[in-house]
Amino acid sequence: MTQIRQSETTWRESRDKWAKIWFEKLSRFHGRKPQATWEFTADEVILFLRDHVRRKTPAWKRLKIIQSLMCYRRYIQAAPLDDLKFIQTKLEELARAEKVSGSAVIKPVWDMVRLAKESYFANESARARSQSSAQNSFWQPSISSPGWA
């Protein structure tokens, strides 16, 4: 008798949970009630994923979406998923390319962080220079000052 480990059970529960979540989102996107009997097509999935591209969803997340929808079709609907395989393959390529080049969505965020840091350090440097020059010029007695004869 084989035992299923707790981690494997948790993984399956998580997989099924996300499969249902993305199926519900796909259904709502197409104006349908999320009913398990609806057999969605590859074209409907592509429209849904293109909407995510428009919203700047990174490729790795779109890959997770298609994987979840494939799980839904396989484990919940017990239907073939051959017509979705090419979408998964393409998103795997895009996710790899995005990872190598830096995400189109994440990269601007890091640019903003870099610019904020540069601005902060430039302001701190200028402030330190002005404080230093103020301290140096605060009291410099001159020969004509009283008491310095």
C-alpha atoms as a PDB file:
ATOM      1  CA  MET A   1       0.000   0.000   0.000  1.00  0.00           C
ATOM      2  CA  THR A   2       1.447   3.349  -0.999  1.00  0.00           C
ATOM      3  CA  GLN A   3       1.137   6.386   1.145  1.00  0.00           C
ATOM      4  CA  ILE A   4       0.622   9.869  -0.205  1.00  0.00           C
ATOM      5  CA  ARG A   5       2.801  12.355   1.598  1.00  0.00           C
ATOM      6  CA  GLN A   6       1.294  15.492   3.116  1.00  0.00           C
ATOM      7  CA  SER A   7       3.310  17.753   0.810  1.00  0.00           C
ATOM      8  CA  GLU A   8       2.006  15.920  -2.270  1.00  0.00           C
ATOM      9  CA  THR A   9      -1.582  16.298  -1.051  1.00  0.00           C
ATOM     10  CA  THR A  10      -1.027  19.992  -0.401  1.00  0.00           C
ATOM     11  CA  TRP A  11       0.512  20.416  -3.857  1.00  0.00           C
ATOM     12  CA  ARG A  12      -2.489  18.750  -5.498  1.00  0.00           C
ATOM     13  CA  GLU A  13      -4.917  20.870  -3.520  1.00  0.00           C
ATOM     14  CA  SER A  14      -3.038  24.005  -4.528  1.00  0.00           C
ATOM     15  CA  ARG A  15      -2.950  22.910  -8.178  1.00  0.00           C
ATOM     16  CA  ASP A  16      -6.709  22.255  -8.190  1.00  0.00           C
ATOM     17  CA  LYS A  17      -7.428  25.510  -6.363  1.00  0.00           C
ATOM     18  CA  TRP A  18      -5.538  27.593  -8.951  1.00  0.00           C
ATOM     19  CA  ALA A  19      -7.060  25.604 -11.809  1.00  0.00           C
ATOM     20  CA  LYS A  20     -10.541  26.527 -10.555  1.00  0.00           C
ATOM     21  CA  ILE A  21      -9.591  30.163  -9.965  1.00  0.00           C
ATOM     22  CA  TRP A  22      -8.259  30.647 -13.505  1.00  0.00           C
ATOM     23  CA  PHE A  23     -11.179  28.753 -15.026  1.00  0.00           C
ATOM     24  CA  GLU A  24     -13.582  31.093 -13.205  1.00  0.00           C
ATOM     25  CA  LYS A  25     -11.649  34.140 -14.435  1.00  0.00           C
ATOM     26  CA  LEU A  26     -11.657  32.778 -17.999  1.00  0.00           C
ATOM     27  CA  SER A  27     -15.397  32.142 -17.772  1.00  0.00           C
ATOM     28  CA  ARG A  28     -16.159  35.618 -16.471  1.00  0.00           C
ATOM     29  CA  PHE A  29     -13.909  37.197 -19.106  1.00  0.00           C
ATOM     30  CA  HIS A  30     -16.086  35.555 -21.776  1.00  0.00           C
ATOM     31  CA  GLY A  31     -19.307  36.534 -19.992  1.00  0.00           C
ATOM     32  CA  ARG A  32     -20.174  33.020 -18.841  1.00  0.00           C
ATOM     33  CA  LYS A  33     -21.054  31.517 -15.521  1.00  0.00           C
ATOM     34  CA  PRO A  34     -18.212  29.252 -14.386  1.00  0.00           C
ATOM     35  CA  GLN A  35     -19.801  25.870 -15.103  1.00  0.00           C
ATOM     36  CA  ALA A  36     -17.591  22.810 -15.372  1.00  0.00           C
ATOM     37  CA  THR A  37     -19.504  21.677 -18.459  1.00  0.00           C
ATOM     38  CA  TRP A  38     -18.228  24.613 -20.551  1.00  0.00           C
ATOM     39  CA  GLU A  39     -15.589  23.279 -22.919  1.00  0.00           C
ATOM     40  CA  PHE A  40     -13.413  26.295 -23.648  1.00  0.00           C
ATOM     41  CA  THR A  41     -11.412  26.456 -26.865  1.00  0.00           C
ATOM     42  CA  ALA A  42      -7.835  27.465 -27.574  1.00  0.00           C
ATOM     43  CA  ASP A  43      -9.128  30.628 -29.265  1.00  0.00           C
ATOM     44  CA  GLU A  44     -10.987  31.635 -26.104  1.00  0.00           C
ATOM     45  CA  VAL A  45      -7.855  31.049 -24.044  1.00  0.00           C
ATOM     46  CA  ILE A  46      -5.774  33.101 -26.492  1.00  0.00           C
ATOM     47  CA  LEU A  47      -8.199  36.031 -26.218  1.00  0.00           C
ATOM     48  CA  PHE A  48      -7.982  35.816 -22.428  1.00  0.00           C
ATOM     49  CA  LEU A  49      -4.182  35.704 -22.485  1.00  0.00           C
ATOM     50  CA  ARG A  50      -3.990  38.595 -24.947  1.00  0.00           C
ATOM     51  CA  ASP A  51      -5.995  40.645 -22.489  1.00  0.00           C
ATOM     52  CA  HIS A  52      -3.344  39.809 -19.901  1.00  0.00           C
ATOM     53  CA  VAL A  53      -0.642  40.938 -22.331  1.00  0.00           C
ATOM     54  CA  ARG A  54      -2.519  44.221 -22.706  1.00  0.00           C
ATOM     55  CA  ARG A  55      -2.503  44.547 -18.904  1.00  0.00           C
ATOM     56  CA  LYS A  56       1.259  43.887 -18.936  1.00  0.00           C
ATOM     57  CA  THR A  57       1.077  40.514 -17.181  1.00  0.00           C
ATOM     58  CA  PRO A  58       4.541  38.921 -17.435  1.00  0.00           C
ATOM     59  CA  ALA A  59       4.998  35.765 -19.505  1.00  0.00           C
ATOM     60  CA  TRP A  60       5.790  33.579 -16.482  1.00  0.00           C
ATOM     61  CA  LYS A  61       2.392  34.395 -15.004  1.00  0.00           C
ATOM     62  CA  ARG A  62       0.590  33.800 -18.303  1.00  0.00           C
ATOM     63  CA  LEU A  63       2.400  30.452 -18.417  1.00  0.00           C
ATOM     64  CA  LYS A  64       0.982  29.635 -14.969  1.00  0.00           C
ATOM     65  CA  ILE A  65      -2.477  30.577 -16.254  1.00  0.00           C
ATOM     66  CA  ILE A  66      -2.326  28.183 -19.212  1.00  0.00           C
ATOM     67  CA  GLN A  67      -0.887  25.429 -17.018  1.00  0.00           C
ATOM     68  CA  SER A  68      -3.775  25.894 -14.585  1.00  0.00           C
ATOM     69  CA  LEU A  69      -6.334  25.824 -17.381  1.00  0.00           C
ATOM     70  CA  MET A  70      -4.746  22.650 -18.743  1.00  0.00           C
ATOM     71  CA  CYS A  71      -4.972  21.073 -15.288  1.00  0.00           C
ATOM     72  CA  TYR A  72      -8.613  22.100 -15.075  1.00  0.00           C
ATOM     73  CA  ARG A  73      -9.349  20.528 -18.412  1.00  0.00           C
ATOM     74  CA  ARG A  74      -7.450  17.341 -17.565  1.00  0.00           C
ATOM     75  CA  TYR A  75      -8.425  16.714 -13.937  1.00  0.00           C
ATOM     76  CA  ILE A  76     -11.806  18.419 -13.568  1.00  0.00           C
ATOM     77  CA  GLN A  77     -13.303  18.062 -17.048  1.00  0.00           C
ATOM     78  CA  ALA A  78     -11.393  14.874 -17.931  1.00  0.00           C
ATOM     79  CA  ALA A  79     -10.976  16.216 -21.456  1.00  0.00           C
ATOM     80  CA  PRO A  80      -7.961  16.200 -23.799  1.00  0.00           C
ATOM     81  CA  LEU A  81      -5.651  19.187 -23.744  1.00  0.00           C
ATOM     82  CA  ASP A  82      -3.847  18.742 -27.041  1.00  0.00           C
ATOM     83  CA  ASP A  83      -5.250  21.965 -28.507  1.00  0.00           C
ATOM     84  CA  LEU A  84      -3.717  23.998 -25.640  1.00  0.00           C
ATOM     85  CA  LYS A  85      -0.230  22.485 -25.800  1.00  0.00           C
ATOM     86  CA  PHE A  86       1.053  24.919 -28.448  1.00  0.00           C
ATOM     87  CA  ILE A  87       0.064  27.876 -26.237  1.00  0.00           C
ATOM     88  CA  GLN A  88       2.030  26.433 -23.338  1.00  0.00           C
ATOM     89  CA  THR A  89       5.064  25.860 -25.576  1.00  0.00           C
ATOM     90  CA  LYS A  90       5.008  29.439 -26.855  1.00  0.00           C
ATOM     91  CA  LEU A  91       4.646  30.889 -23.351  1.00  0.00           C
ATOM     92  CA  GLU A  92       7.557  28.768 -22.121  1.00  0.00           C
ATOM     93  CA  GLU A  93       9.714  30.326 -24.863  1.00  0.00           C
ATOM     94  CA  LEU A  94       8.505  33.822 -23.986  1.00  0.00           C
ATOM     95  CA  ALA A  95       9.095  33.285 -20.266  1.00  0.00           C
ATOM     96  CA  ARG A  96      12.651  32.074 -20.924  1.00  0.00           C
ATOM     97  CA  ALA A  97      13.385  35.046 -23.172  1.00  0.00           C
ATOM     98  CA  GLU A  98      11.860  37.416 -20.632  1.00  0.00           C
ATOM     99  CA  LYS A  99      13.980  35.931 -17.857  1.00  0.00           C
ATOM    100  CA  VAL A 100      17.185  36.286 -19.891  1.00  0.00           C
ATOM    101  CA  SER A 101      16.559  39.848 -21.053  1.00  0.00           C
ATOM    102  CA  GLY A 102      14.789  41.109 -17.947  1.00  0.00           C
ATOM    103  CA  SER A 103      11.065  41.419 -17.668  1.00  0.00           C
ATOM    104  CA  ALA A 104       9.360  44.128 -19.694  1.00  0.00           C
ATOM    105  CA  VAL A 105       7.114  44.709 -16.693  1.00  0.00           C
ATOM    106  CA  ILE A 106       9.683  44.443 -13.919  1.00  0.00           C
ATOM    107  CA  LYS A 107      12.518  46.327 -15.634  1.00  0.00           C
ATOM    108  CA  PRO A 108      10.843  49.783 -15.470  1.00  0.00           C
ATOM    109  CA  VAL A 109      10.269  49.261 -11.748  1.00  0.00           C
ATOM    110  CA  TRP A 110      13.970  48.578 -11.201  1.00  0.00           C
ATOM    111  CA  ASP A 111      14.825  51.621 -13.342  1.00  0.00           C
ATOM    112  CA  MET A 112      12.606  53.737 -11.075  1.00  0.00           C
ATOM    113  CA  VAL A 113      14.306  52.315  -7.971  1.00  0.00           C
ATOM    114  CA  ARG A 114      17.750  53.003  -9.457  1.00  0.00           C
ATOM    115  CA  LEU A 115      16.800  56.587 -10.365  1.00  0.00           C
ATOM    116  CA  ALA A 116      15.330  57.175  -6.906  1.00  0.00           C
ATOM    117  CA  LYS A 117      18.537  55.908  -5.275  1.00  0.00           C
ATOM    118  CA  GLU A 118      20.715  58.067  -7.532  1.00  0.00           C
ATOM    119  CA  SER A 119      18.589  61.109  -6.762  1.00  0.00           C
ATOM    120  CA  TYR A 120      18.693  60.394  -3.033  1.00  0.00           C
ATOM    121  CA  PHE A 121      22.472  59.964  -2.971  1.00  0.00           C
ATOM    122  CA  ALA A 122      22.992  63.054  -5.148  1.00  0.00           C
ATOM    123  CA  ASN A 123      20.888  65.120  -2.721  1.00  0.00           C
ATOM    124  CA  GLU A 124      22.726  63.648   0.298  1.00  0.00           C
ATOM    125  CA  SER A 125      26.081  64.405  -1.300  1.00  0.00           C
ATOM    126  CA  ALA A 126      25.068  67.991  -2.069  1.00  0.00           C
ATOM    127  CA  ARG A 127      23.742  68.419   1.467  1.00  0.00           C
ATOM    128  CA  ALA A 128      26.994  67.068   2.940  1.00  0.00           C
ATOM    129  CA  ARG A 129      29.056  69.447   0.783  1.00  0.00           C
ATOM    130  CA  SER A 130      26.962  72.441   1.791  1.00  0.00           C
ATOM    131  CA  GLN A 131      27.183  71.508   5.478  1.00  0.00           C
ATOM    132  CA  SER A 132      30.932  71.047   5.177  1.00  0.00           C
ATOM    133  CA  SER A 133      31.422  74.424   3.519  1.00  0.00           C
ATOM    134  CA  ALA A 134      29.125  76.073   6.068  1.00  0.00           C
ATOM    135  CA  GLN A 135      31.146  74.607   8.933  1.00  0.00           C
ATOM    136  CA  ASN A 136      34.404  75.758   7.373  1.00  0.00           C
ATOM    137  CA  SER A 137      33.157  79.313   6.797  1.00  0.00           C
ATOM    138  CA  PHE A 138      31.232  79.600  10.078  1.00  0.00           C
ATOM    139  CA  TRP A 139      34.072  81.136  12.042  1.00  0.00           C
ATOM    140  CA  GLN A 140      37.131  82.301  10.274  1.00  0.00           C
ATOM    141  CA  PRO A 141      38.510  85.256  12.144  1.00  0.00           C
ATOM    142  CA  SER A 142      39.973  87.982  10.034  1.00  0.00           C
ATOM    143  CA  ILE A 143      42.821  90.263  10.917  1.00  0.00           C
ATOM    144  CA  SER A 144      40.475  93.200  11.192  1.00  0.00           C
ATOM    145  CA  SER A 145      38.207  91.475  13.726  1.00  0.00           C
ATOM    146  CA  PRO A 146      38.145  93.030  17.187  1.00  0.00           C
ATOM    147  CA  GLY A 147      40.295  91.199  19.671  1.00  0.00           C
ATOM    148  CA  TRP A 148      42.723  89.920  17.087  1.00  0.00           C
ATOM    149  CA  ALA A 149      45.287  92.595  17.096  1.00  0.00           C
END
